[in-house]
C-alpha atoms as a PDB file:
ATOM      1  CA  MET A   1     -35.218 123.647-121.906  1.00  0.00           C
ATOM      2  CA  LYS A   2     -36.929 120.365-120.916  1.00  0.00           C
ATOM      3  CA  ARG A   3     -40.742 120.245-120.867  1.00  0.00           C
ATOM      4  CA  VAL A   4     -42.504 118.187-118.552  1.00  0.00           C
ATOM      5  CA  LEU A   5     -46.008 117.122-117.539  1.00  0.00           C
ATOM      6  CA  LEU A   6     -47.213 118.970-114.272  1.00  0.00           C
ATOM      7  CA  SER A   7     -49.338 116.134-113.917  1.00  0.00           C
ATOM      8  CA  ASP A   8     -50.983 113.243-115.218  1.00  0.00           C
ATOM      9  CA  SER A   9     -53.478 115.402-117.105  1.00  0.00           C
ATOM     10  CA  GLY A  10     -51.236 118.301-118.008  1.00  0.00           C
ATOM     11  CA  PRO A  11     -50.460 120.707-118.968  1.00  0.00           C
ATOM     12  CA  GLU A  12     -46.912 120.666-120.370  1.00  0.00           C
ATOM     13  CA  THR A  13     -44.704 123.468-119.187  1.00  0.00           C
ATOM     14  CA  SER A  14     -41.112 124.311-119.329  1.00  0.00           C
ATOM     15  CA  ASP A  15     -38.993 122.757-116.050  1.00  0.00           C
ATOM     16  CA  SER A  16     -39.204 126.195-114.811  1.00  0.00           C
ATOM     17  CA  ILE A  17     -41.805 128.730-114.344  1.00  0.00           C
ATOM     18  CA  TYR A  18     -41.306 132.477-114.112  1.00  0.00           C
ATOM     19  CA  SER A  19     -43.241 134.677-111.640  1.00  0.00           C
ATOM     20  CA  PHE A  20     -43.773 138.236-111.945  1.00  0.00           C
ATOM     21  CA  TRP A  21     -44.309 138.641-107.954  1.00  0.00           C
ATOM     22  CA  ARG A  22     -41.492 140.992-107.537  1.00  0.00           C
ATOM     23  CA  TRP A  23     -42.471 143.327-110.372  1.00  0.00           C
ATOM     24  CA  GLU A  24     -45.059 144.963-108.234  1.00  0.00           C
ATOM     25  CA  ASN A  25     -42.350 146.675-106.426  1.00  0.00           C
ATOM     26  CA  GLU A  26     -40.953 148.380-109.616  1.00  0.00           C
ATOM     27  CA  ALA A  27     -41.671 152.199-109.673  1.00  0.00           C
ATOM     28  CA  ASP A  28     -41.246 152.628-113.406  1.00  0.00           C
ATOM     29  CA  LEU A  29     -42.994 149.518-114.349  1.00  0.00           C
ATOM     30  CA  THR A  30     -43.923 149.403-118.556  1.00  0.00           C
ATOM     31  CA  VAL A  31     -45.035 147.220-120.940  1.00  0.00           C
ATOM     32  CA  GLU A  32     -41.630 147.685-122.861  1.00  0.00           C
ATOM     33  CA  LYS A  33     -39.623 146.123-119.588  1.00  0.00           C
ATOM     34  CA  VAL A  34     -42.299 143.651-119.602  1.00  0.00           C
ATOM     35  CA  LYS A  35     -41.949 142.732-123.010  1.00  0.00           C
ATOM     36  CA  GLU A  36     -38.231 142.660-122.928  1.00  0.00           C
ATOM     37  CA  ILE A  37     -38.051 140.009-120.310  1.00  0.00           C
ATOM     38  CA  THR A  38     -40.432 137.914-121.375  1.00  0.00           C
ATOM     39  CA  GLU A  39     -38.972 137.815-124.937  1.00  0.00           C
ATOM     40  CA  TYR A  40     -35.710 137.012-123.110  1.00  0.00           C
ATOM     41  CA  LEU A  41     -37.659 134.166-121.057  1.00  0.00           C
ATOM     42  CA  LEU A  42     -39.169 132.543-124.041  1.00  0.00           C
ATOM     43  CA  SER A  43     -35.601 132.462-125.656  1.00  0.00           C
ATOM     44  CA  LEU A  44     -34.422 130.642-122.716  1.00  0.00           C
ATOM     45  CA  GLY A  45     -37.238 127.971-123.576  1.00  0.00           C
ATOM     46  CA  ILE A  46     -39.362 129.303-120.465  1.00  0.00           C
ATOM     47  CA  ASN A  47     -43.141 129.013-121.626  1.00  0.00           C
ATOM     48  CA  ALA A  48     -44.859 128.781-118.053  1.00  0.00           C
ATOM     49  CA  PHE A  49     -45.783 131.898-116.459  1.00  0.00           C
ATOM     50  CA  ASP A  50     -47.027 132.766-112.804  1.00  0.00           C
ATOM     51  CA  ILE A  51     -49.267 135.980-112.519  1.00  0.00           C
ATOM     52  CA  SER A  52     -51.669 136.904-109.849  1.00  0.00           C
ATOM     53  CA  PRO A  53     -54.253 139.890-109.364  1.00  0.00           C
ATOM     54  CA  LEU A  54     -52.261 140.428-106.309  1.00  0.00           C
ATOM     55  CA  TYR A  55     -49.262 141.229-107.931  1.00  0.00           C
ATOM     56  CA  GLY A  56     -49.642 145.052-108.609  1.00  0.00           C
ATOM     57  CA  LYS A  57     -53.624 144.895-107.909  1.00  0.00           C
ATOM     58  CA  GLY A  58     -53.915 143.795-111.289  1.00  0.00           C
ATOM     59  CA  ARG A  59     -51.422 146.040-113.202  1.00  0.00           C
ATOM     60  CA  ILE A  60     -49.086 143.071-113.917  1.00  0.00           C
ATOM     61  CA  GLU A  61     -51.403 140.708-115.757  1.00  0.00           C
ATOM     62  CA  GLU A  62     -52.758 143.796-117.673  1.00  0.00           C
ATOM     63  CA  LEU A  63     -48.857 144.620-119.015  1.00  0.00           C
ATOM     64  CA  PHE A  64     -48.009 140.788-119.356  1.00  0.00           C
ATOM     65  CA  GLY A  65     -51.040 140.457-121.595  1.00  0.00           C
ATOM     66  CA  LYS A  66     -49.897 143.708-123.786  1.00  0.00           C
ATOM     67  CA  ALA A  67     -46.489 142.329-123.947  1.00  0.00           C
ATOM     68  CA  LEU A  68     -47.575 138.957-125.149  1.00  0.00           C
ATOM     69  CA  GLU A  69     -49.840 140.618-128.008  1.00  0.00           C
ATOM     70  CA  LEU A  70     -46.751 142.906-129.114  1.00  0.00           C
ATOM     71  CA  LEU A  71     -44.585 139.720-129.484  1.00  0.00           C
ATOM     72  CA  GLY A  72     -46.842 137.750-131.208  1.00  0.00           C
ATOM     73  CA  VAL A  73     -46.731 134.972-128.907  1.00  0.00           C
ATOM     74  CA  LYS A  74     -49.621 132.052-130.115  1.00  0.00           C
ATOM     75  CA  ARG A  75     -51.500 131.127-127.010  1.00  0.00           C
ATOM     76  CA  GLU A  76     -50.908 127.847-127.256  1.00  0.00           C
ATOM     77  CA  GLU A  77     -47.195 128.099-126.757  1.00  0.00           C
ATOM     78  CA  ILE A  78     -47.575 129.131-123.299  1.00  0.00           C
ATOM     79  CA  VAL A  79     -49.113 128.102-119.908  1.00  0.00           C
ATOM     80  CA  LEU A  80     -50.516 130.686-118.030  1.00  0.00           C
ATOM     81  CA  PHE A  81     -51.008 130.364-113.951  1.00  0.00           C
ATOM     82  CA  THR A  82     -52.927 132.855-112.276  1.00  0.00           C
ATOM     83  CA  LYS A  83     -54.768 133.063-108.599  1.00  0.00           C
ATOM     84  CA  ILE A  84     -58.094 133.294-106.895  1.00  0.00           C
ATOM     85  CA  SER A  85     -57.923 134.812-103.542  1.00  0.00           C
ATOM     86  CA  ASN A  86     -60.097 135.946-100.627  1.00  0.00           C
ATOM     87  CA  LYS A  87     -57.886 138.811 -99.712  1.00  0.00           C
ATOM     88  CA  HIS A  88     -57.657 141.898-101.532  1.00  0.00           C
ATOM     89  CA  PRO A  89     -54.804 144.725-101.407  1.00  0.00           C
ATOM     90  CA  GLN A  90     -55.835 148.132-100.856  1.00  0.00           C
ATOM     91  CA  ASP A  91     -53.589 151.410-101.356  1.00  0.00           C
ATOM     92  CA  ASP A  92     -52.484 151.515 -97.964  1.00  0.00           C
ATOM     93  CA  GLY A  93     -51.240 148.198 -97.734  1.00  0.00           C
ATOM     94  CA  THR A  94     -53.696 146.473 -95.730  1.00  0.00           C
ATOM     95  CA  PHE A  95     -56.395 143.698 -97.231  1.00  0.00           C
ATOM     96  CA  ILE A  96     -59.844 143.655 -97.534  1.00  0.00           C
ATOM     97  CA  TYR A  97     -61.329 140.133 -97.092  1.00  0.00           C
ATOM     98  CA  GLU A  98     -64.304 138.647 -98.601  1.00  0.00           C
ATOM     99  CA  PRO A  99     -65.369 135.121 -98.933  1.00  0.00           C
ATOM    100  CA  PHE A 100     -65.324 132.752-101.993  1.00  0.00           C
ATOM    101  CA  THR A 101     -68.517 132.706-103.672  1.00  0.00           C
ATOM    102  CA  GLU A 102     -69.696 132.261-107.179  1.00  0.00           C
ATOM    103  CA  LYS A 103     -69.750 135.689-107.797  1.00  0.00           C
ATOM    104  CA  SER A 104     -66.359 136.639-106.564  1.00  0.00           C
ATOM    105  CA  ILE A 105     -64.828 133.768-107.890  1.00  0.00           C
ATOM    106  CA  GLN A 106     -66.334 134.330-111.563  1.00  0.00           C
ATOM    107  CA  HIS A 107     -65.314 137.740-111.324  1.00  0.00           C
ATOM    108  CA  GLN A 108     -61.825 137.222-110.223  1.00  0.00           C
ATOM    109  CA  ILE A 109     -61.294 134.768-113.546  1.00  0.00           C
ATOM    110  CA  ASP A 110     -63.114 137.408-115.937  1.00  0.00           C
ATOM    111  CA  GLU A 111     -60.996 140.126-114.930  1.00  0.00           C
ATOM    112  CA  SER A 112     -57.927 138.118-115.032  1.00  0.00           C
ATOM    113  CA  LEU A 113     -58.913 137.059-118.542  1.00  0.00           C
ATOM    114  CA  LYS A 114     -59.633 140.325-119.908  1.00  0.00           C
ATOM    115  CA  ARG A 115     -56.184 141.718-118.332  1.00  0.00           C
ATOM    116  CA  LEU A 116     -54.162 138.836-119.934  1.00  0.00           C
ATOM    117  CA  ASN A 117     -56.293 139.300-123.119  1.00  0.00           C
ATOM    118  CA  THR A 118     -57.452 135.790-123.808  1.00  0.00           C
ATOM    119  CA  ASP A 119     -59.804 133.234-123.553  1.00  0.00           C
ATOM    120  CA  TYR A 120     -58.625 130.704-120.826  1.00  0.00           C
ATOM    121  CA  ILE A 121     -56.239 130.163-117.831  1.00  0.00           C
ATOM    122  CA  ASP A 122     -54.166 127.067-118.133  1.00  0.00           C
ATOM    123  CA  VAL A 123     -54.129 126.675-114.288  1.00  0.00           C
ATOM    124  CA  VAL A 124     -56.058 128.490-111.300  1.00  0.00           C
ATOM    125  CA  LEU A 125     -54.552 128.436-108.109  1.00  0.00           C
ATOM    126  CA  VAL A 126     -56.561 128.709-105.030  1.00  0.00           C
ATOM    127  CA  GLN A 127     -54.428 131.500-103.177  1.00  0.00           C
ATOM    128  CA  ASP A 128     -54.214 130.388 -99.251  1.00  0.00           C
ATOM    129  CA  TYR A 129     -56.681 128.371 -97.644  1.00  0.00           C
ATOM    130  CA  ASP A 130     -59.590 129.572 -95.603  1.00  0.00           C
ATOM    131  CA  PRO A 131     -61.274 128.257 -92.846  1.00  0.00           C
ATOM    132  CA  LEU A 132     -64.476 129.710 -93.551  1.00  0.00           C
ATOM    133  CA  MET A 133     -64.201 128.534 -97.351  1.00  0.00           C
ATOM    134  CA  LYS A 134     -67.508 126.902 -97.923  1.00  0.00           C
ATOM    135  CA  VAL A 135     -65.190 124.000-100.000  1.00  0.00           C
ATOM    136  CA  ASP A 136     -68.513 122.623-102.243  1.00  0.00           C
ATOM    137  CA  ALA A 137     -69.575 125.809-103.474  1.00  0.00           C
ATOM    138  CA  VAL A 138     -65.947 126.609-104.565  1.00  0.00           C
ATOM    139  CA  ALA A 139     -65.569 123.498-106.287  1.00  0.00           C
ATOM    140  CA  SER A 140     -69.032 123.653-108.183  1.00  0.00           C
ATOM    141  CA  VAL A 141     -67.620 126.949-109.329  1.00  0.00           C
ATOM    142  CA  LEU A 142     -64.344 125.885-110.664  1.00  0.00           C
ATOM    143  CA  THR A 143     -65.813 122.608-112.150  1.00  0.00           C
ATOM    144  CA  THR A 144     -68.197 124.998-113.909  1.00  0.00           C
ATOM    145  CA  LEU A 145     -65.676 127.197-115.332  1.00  0.00           C
ATOM    146  CA  GLN A 146     -63.687 124.244-116.362  1.00  0.00           C
ATOM    147  CA  LEU A 147     -66.545 122.848-118.515  1.00  0.00           C
ATOM    148  CA  ARG A 148     -66.866 126.237-119.798  1.00  0.00           C
ATOM    149  CA  GLY A 149     -63.538 125.942-120.948  1.00  0.00           C
ATOM    150  CA  LYS A 150     -62.578 129.399-119.222  1.00  0.00           C
ATOM    151  CA  VAL A 151     -60.165 127.490-116.845  1.00  0.00           C
ATOM    152  CA  LYS A 152     -58.342 124.474-117.789  1.00  0.00           C
ATOM    153  CA  HIS A 153     -56.647 123.076-114.739  1.00  0.00           C
ATOM    154  CA  VAL A 154     -57.086 123.667-111.141  1.00  0.00           C
ATOM    155  CA  GLY A 155     -54.072 123.886-108.507  1.00  0.00           C
ATOM    156  CA  VAL A 156     -53.618 125.174-104.871  1.00  0.00           C
ATOM    157  CA  SER A 157     -51.115 127.540-103.071  1.00  0.00           C
ATOM    158  CA  ASN A 158     -50.056 127.281 -99.605  1.00  0.00           C
ATOM    159  CA  PHE A 159     -52.254 124.435 -98.754  1.00  0.00           C
ATOM    160  CA  ASN A 160     -51.240 121.778 -96.384  1.00  0.00           C
ATOM    161  CA  VAL A 161     -51.798 118.134 -97.064  1.00  0.00           C
ATOM    162  CA  GLN A 162     -55.462 117.733 -95.404  1.00  0.00           C
ATOM    163  CA  GLN A 163     -56.458 121.053 -97.194  1.00  0.00           C
ATOM    164  CA  HIS A 164     -55.265 119.725-100.208  1.00  0.00           C
ATOM    165  CA  LYS A 165     -56.934 116.612-100.081  1.00  0.00           C
ATOM    166  CA  LEU A 166     -60.142 118.414 -98.861  1.00  0.00           C
ATOM    167  CA  ILE A 167     -60.852 120.632-101.727  1.00  0.00           C
ATOM    168  CA  ALA A 168     -59.446 117.743-103.970  1.00  0.00           C
ATOM    169  CA  SER A 169     -62.484 115.389-102.726  1.00  0.00           C
ATOM    170  CA  ARG A 170     -64.963 117.822-103.839  1.00  0.00           C
ATOM    171  CA  LEU A 171     -63.716 118.543-107.614  1.00  0.00           C
ATOM    172  CA  SER A 172     -64.272 116.437-110.604  1.00  0.00           C
ATOM    173  CA  GLN A 173     -60.633 117.033-112.138  1.00  0.00           C
ATOM    174  CA  GLU A 174     -57.767 116.617-110.347  1.00  0.00           C
ATOM    175  CA  VAL A 175     -55.623 119.307-108.379  1.00  0.00           C
ATOM    176  CA  VAL A 176     -52.434 119.469-110.852  1.00  0.00           C
ATOM    177  CA  THR A 177     -49.955 120.858-108.203  1.00  0.00           C
ATOM    178  CA  ASN A 178     -49.624 122.672-105.048  1.00  0.00           C
ATOM    179  CA  HIS A 179     -47.555 126.083-104.939  1.00  0.00           C
ATOM    180  CA  PHE A 180     -45.305 126.598-101.907  1.00  0.00           C
ATOM    181  CA  GLU A 181     -41.862 127.834-100.490  1.00  0.00           C
ATOM    182  CA  LEU A 182     -39.176 125.331-100.688  1.00  0.00           C
ATOM    183  CA  ASN A 183     -35.559 126.135-100.824  1.00  0.00           C
ATOM    184  CA  LEU A 184     -32.242 125.043 -98.699  1.00  0.00           C
ATOM    185  CA  LEU A 185     -33.227 127.230 -95.821  1.00  0.00           C
ATOM    186  CA  ASN A 186     -36.561 126.076 -95.874  1.00  0.00           C
ATOM    187  CA  THR A 187     -37.519 122.635 -96.476  1.00  0.00           C
ATOM    188  CA  ARG A 188     -40.497 122.430 -94.399  1.00  0.00           C
ATOM    189  CA  ALA A 189     -42.728 121.086 -97.314  1.00  0.00           C
ATOM    190  CA  LEU A 190     -40.298 117.978 -97.264  1.00  0.00           C
ATOM    191  CA  GLU A 191     -41.009 117.102 -93.658  1.00  0.00           C
ATOM    192  CA  ASP A 192     -44.464 117.944 -93.496  1.00  0.00           C
ATOM    193  CA  GLY A 193     -45.601 115.385 -96.173  1.00  0.00           C
ATOM    194  CA  ARG A 194     -46.671 118.178 -98.944  1.00  0.00           C
ATOM    195  CA  VAL A 195     -44.131 117.227-101.289  1.00  0.00           C
ATOM    196  CA  ASP A 196     -44.775 113.400-100.988  1.00  0.00           C
ATOM    197  CA  PHE A 197     -48.332 113.859-101.150  1.00  0.00           C
ATOM    198  CA  ILE A 198     -48.358 115.711-104.737  1.00  0.00           C
ATOM    199  CA  LYS A 199     -46.076 113.138-105.767  1.00  0.00           C
ATOM    200  CA  GLU A 200     -48.368 110.587-104.774  1.00  0.00           C
ATOM    201  CA  GLN A 201     -51.079 112.267-107.079  1.00  0.00           C
ATOM    202  CA  TYR A 202     -48.488 111.745-110.103  1.00  0.00           C
ATOM    203  CA  SER A 203     -48.225 115.562-110.024  1.00  0.00           C
ATOM    204  CA  LYS A 204     -45.129 118.074-109.331  1.00  0.00           C
ATOM    205  CA  PRO A 205     -44.912 120.769-106.635  1.00  0.00           C
ATOM    206  CA  MET A 206     -44.087 124.498-107.830  1.00  0.00           C
ATOM    207  CA  ALA A 207     -41.443 125.537-105.546  1.00  0.00           C
ATOM    208  CA  PHE A 208     -41.338 129.242-104.770  1.00  0.00           C
ATOM    209  CA  GLY A 209     -38.485 131.301-103.369  1.00  0.00           C
ATOM    210  CA  PRO A 210     -35.593 128.911-104.305  1.00  0.00           C
ATOM    211  CA  LEU A 211     -32.973 130.906-102.943  1.00  0.00           C
ATOM    212  CA  ALA A 212     -34.974 132.492-100.106  1.00  0.00           C
ATOM    213  CA  ASP A 213     -35.094 135.860-101.466  1.00  0.00           C
ATOM    214  CA  GLY A 214     -31.614 136.072-101.755  1.00  0.00           C
ATOM    215  CA  ARG A 215     -30.678 134.711 -98.428  1.00  0.00           C
ATOM    216  CA  ILE A 216     -28.814 131.905-100.119  1.00  0.00           C
ATOM    217  CA  LEU A 217     -26.600 133.956-102.050  1.00  0.00           C
ATOM    218  CA  HIS A 218     -25.885 137.150 -99.562  1.00  0.00           C
ATOM    219  CA  GLY A 219     -27.345 135.880 -96.056  1.00  0.00           C
ATOM    220  CA  HIS A 220     -24.618 136.865 -93.030  1.00  0.00           C
ATOM    221  CA  ASP A 221     -26.561 134.222 -90.565  1.00  0.00           C
ATOM    222  CA  PHE A 222     -24.909 131.305 -89.794  1.00  0.00           C
ATOM    223  CA  GLN A 223     -27.660 129.297 -91.622  1.00  0.00           C
ATOM    224  CA  ALA A 224     -27.156 130.745 -94.795  1.00  0.00           C
ATOM    225  CA  GLU A 225     -23.259 131.152 -94.750  1.00  0.00           C
ATOM    226  CA  THR A 226     -23.193 127.307 -93.929  1.00  0.00           C
ATOM    227  CA  ILE A 227     -25.131 126.567 -96.774  1.00  0.00           C
ATOM    228  CA  ARG A 228     -22.987 128.706 -98.803  1.00  0.00           C
ATOM    229  CA  GLY A 229     -20.085 127.039 -98.012  1.00  0.00           C
ATOM    230  CA  VAL A 230     -21.171 123.779 -99.019  1.00  0.00           C
ATOM    231  CA  LEU A 231     -22.717 124.905-102.524  1.00  0.00           C
ATOM    232  CA  ASN A 232     -19.532 126.837-102.969  1.00  0.00           C
ATOM    233  CA  GLU A 233     -17.474 123.318-103.066  1.00  0.00           C
ATOM    234  CA  LEU A 234     -20.064 121.757-105.210  1.00  0.00           C
ATOM    235  CA  ALA A 235     -20.274 124.526-107.378  1.00  0.00           C
ATOM    236  CA  ASP A 236     -16.481 124.139-108.580  1.00  0.00           C
ATOM    237  CA  LYS A 237     -16.960 120.335-108.753  1.00  0.00           C
ATOM    238  CA  TYR A 238     -19.910 120.969-111.249  1.00  0.00           C
ATOM    239  CA  ASN A 239     -18.190 123.980-112.925  1.00  0.00           C
ATOM    240  CA  SER A 240     -21.170 126.155-111.798  1.00  0.00           C
ATOM    241  CA  ASN A 241     -22.120 128.772-109.392  1.00  0.00           C
ATOM    242  CA  ILE A 242     -24.035 128.443-105.818  1.00  0.00           C
ATOM    243  CA  GLU A 243     -27.388 129.960-107.611  1.00  0.00           C
ATOM    244  CA  GLN A 244     -27.295 126.992-109.852  1.00  0.00           C
ATOM    245  CA  ILE A 245     -26.590 124.318-107.499  1.00  0.00           C
ATOM    246  CA  ALA A 246     -29.307 125.252-104.915  1.00  0.00           C
ATOM    247  CA  VAL A 247     -32.182 125.113-107.653  1.00  0.00           C
ATOM    248  CA  ALA A 248     -30.836 122.032-109.081  1.00  0.00           C
ATOM    249  CA  TRP A 249     -30.980 120.537-105.961  1.00  0.00           C
ATOM    250  CA  ILE A 250     -34.659 121.398-106.263  1.00  0.00           C
ATOM    251  CA  HIS A 251     -34.993 119.806-109.586  1.00  0.00           C
ATOM    252  CA  LYS A 252     -33.474 116.538-108.594  1.00  0.00           C
ATOM    253  CA  LEU A 253     -36.429 116.318-105.738  1.00  0.00           C
ATOM    254  CA  GLY A 254     -38.887 116.891-109.068  1.00  0.00           C
ATOM    255  CA  ALA A 255     -40.124 120.136-108.208  1.00  0.00           C
ATOM    256  CA  LEU A 256     -40.598 123.014-110.574  1.00  0.00           C
ATOM    257  CA  PRO A 257     -38.297 125.954-109.286  1.00  0.00           C
ATOM    258  CA  ILE A 258     -40.275 129.092-109.685  1.00  0.00           C
ATOM    259  CA  ILE A 259     -37.833 132.372-110.667  1.00  0.00           C
ATOM    260  CA  GLY A 260     -38.659 135.394-109.714  1.00  0.00           C
ATOM    261  CA  SER A 261     -35.780 137.285-110.400  1.00  0.00           C
ATOM    262  CA  LEU A 262     -35.487 140.801-112.725  1.00  0.00           C
ATOM    263  CA  SER A 263     -31.710 139.938-113.604  1.00  0.00           C
ATOM    264  CA  LYS A 264     -31.274 138.255-116.625  1.00  0.00           C
ATOM    265  CA  ASP A 265     -27.945 136.798-115.751  1.00  0.00           C
ATOM    266  CA  ARG A 266     -29.648 135.376-112.431  1.00  0.00           C
ATOM    267  CA  ILE A 267     -32.990 134.027-114.677  1.00  0.00           C
ATOM    268  CA  ARG A 268     -30.267 132.438-116.950  1.00  0.00           C
ATOM    269  CA  ASN A 269     -28.152 130.989-113.888  1.00  0.00           C
ATOM    270  CA  ALA A 270     -31.836 129.323-112.348  1.00  0.00           C
ATOM    271  CA  ALA A 271     -33.290 128.459-116.016  1.00  0.00           C
ATOM    272  CA  THR A 272     -29.823 126.217-116.735  1.00  0.00           C
ATOM    273  CA  ALA A 273     -29.881 124.751-113.215  1.00  0.00           C
ATOM    274  CA  SER A 274     -31.700 121.775-114.795  1.00  0.00           C
ATOM    275  CA  GLU A 275     -28.632 120.658-116.652  1.00  0.00           C
ATOM    276  CA  ILE A 276     -26.944 119.962-113.790  1.00  0.00           C
ATOM    277  CA  ALA A 277     -27.392 116.421-112.760  1.00  0.00           C
ATOM    278  CA  LEU A 278     -26.223 116.452-108.978  1.00  0.00           C
ATOM    279  CA  THR A 279     -25.180 113.147-107.600  1.00  0.00           C
ATOM    280  CA  TYR A 280     -27.532 110.967-105.307  1.00  0.00           C
ATOM    281  CA  GLN A 281     -24.180 111.569-102.561  1.00  0.00           C
ATOM    282  CA  ASP A 282     -24.032 115.191-103.652  1.00  0.00           C
ATOM    283  CA  TRP A 283     -27.961 115.923-103.384  1.00  0.00           C
ATOM    284  CA  HIS A 284     -28.030 114.240 -99.739  1.00  0.00           C
ATOM    285  CA  THR A 285     -24.807 115.844 -98.539  1.00  0.00           C
ATOM    286  CA  ILE A 286     -26.528 119.070 -99.228  1.00  0.00           C
ATOM    287  CA  TYR A 287     -29.617 118.295 -97.361  1.00  0.00           C
ATOM    288  CA  GLU A 288     -28.221 116.795 -94.369  1.00  0.00           C
ATOM    289  CA  THR A 289     -26.646 120.146 -93.915  1.00  0.00           C
ATOM    290  CA  THR A 290     -29.980 121.676 -94.159  1.00  0.00           C
ATOM    291  CA  LYS A 291     -31.126 118.852 -91.466  1.00  0.00           C
ATOM    292  CA  THR A 292     -28.539 119.630 -89.126  1.00  0.00           C
ATOM    293  CA  LEU A 293     -29.342 123.622 -88.948  1.00  0.00           C
ATOM    294  CA  ASN A 294     -32.888 123.153 -88.407  1.00  0.00           C
ATOM    295  CA  ALA A 295     -32.558 120.642 -85.894  1.00  0.00           C
END
């Protein structure tokens, strides 16, 4: 698998990223299961992992940290993404909201470091823009964490262009990525300028939901079935499958798809999609279909 720079300042990651967000619904989650899938991901060349305290209220971070230790993975060989958030899940499915403060941010980072059993996070993503956020204070804390070596880079998640510009204007180092949904059934990030803006910064966006939560593969609505028909035709042409074509479309755009499946077959499909070089014509044939459906 190819390695790419997330931005001019790094880090260098695999051209696909794996996220553990779907694991929070696993009732019998164990360190052995996490270890098995992590070992498989590493064998495919995936070295970048999207974690969050929101996934299983921190349990996924803890199990992943233990899995890395059992596998004997060298810290410098992987890239860890985690998030800080102003909302915290409760057992009843609700959230408690608390403002970003120096204390809350420091606490979230320290807890993630402890659970992941590491000294630093490669990229901390500020999860979801908070209209009440005191941007100068948040930027100051993140800069301090970078200077102390606990955080290497800062990114954002689900920020629009203006929100992205605002926090970037207060940080001493660049915002290295924006993490948002992008797939053939949701191309809003292309139309609203988020993709263009992150490219303007010489960075790459992280695209979650590349298969629209399975809707591209199994959806019965008109949009899903229409897209699937186009992808099926191209899959034959490229001796591949529709999953690979859908992810290859994202790769050609210059975005890094985030894989979230627990199935090894589906992980391999997505991980090998970067090997498919869609022609200029075929990329636009797919895109024109999505624009027609969304008109």
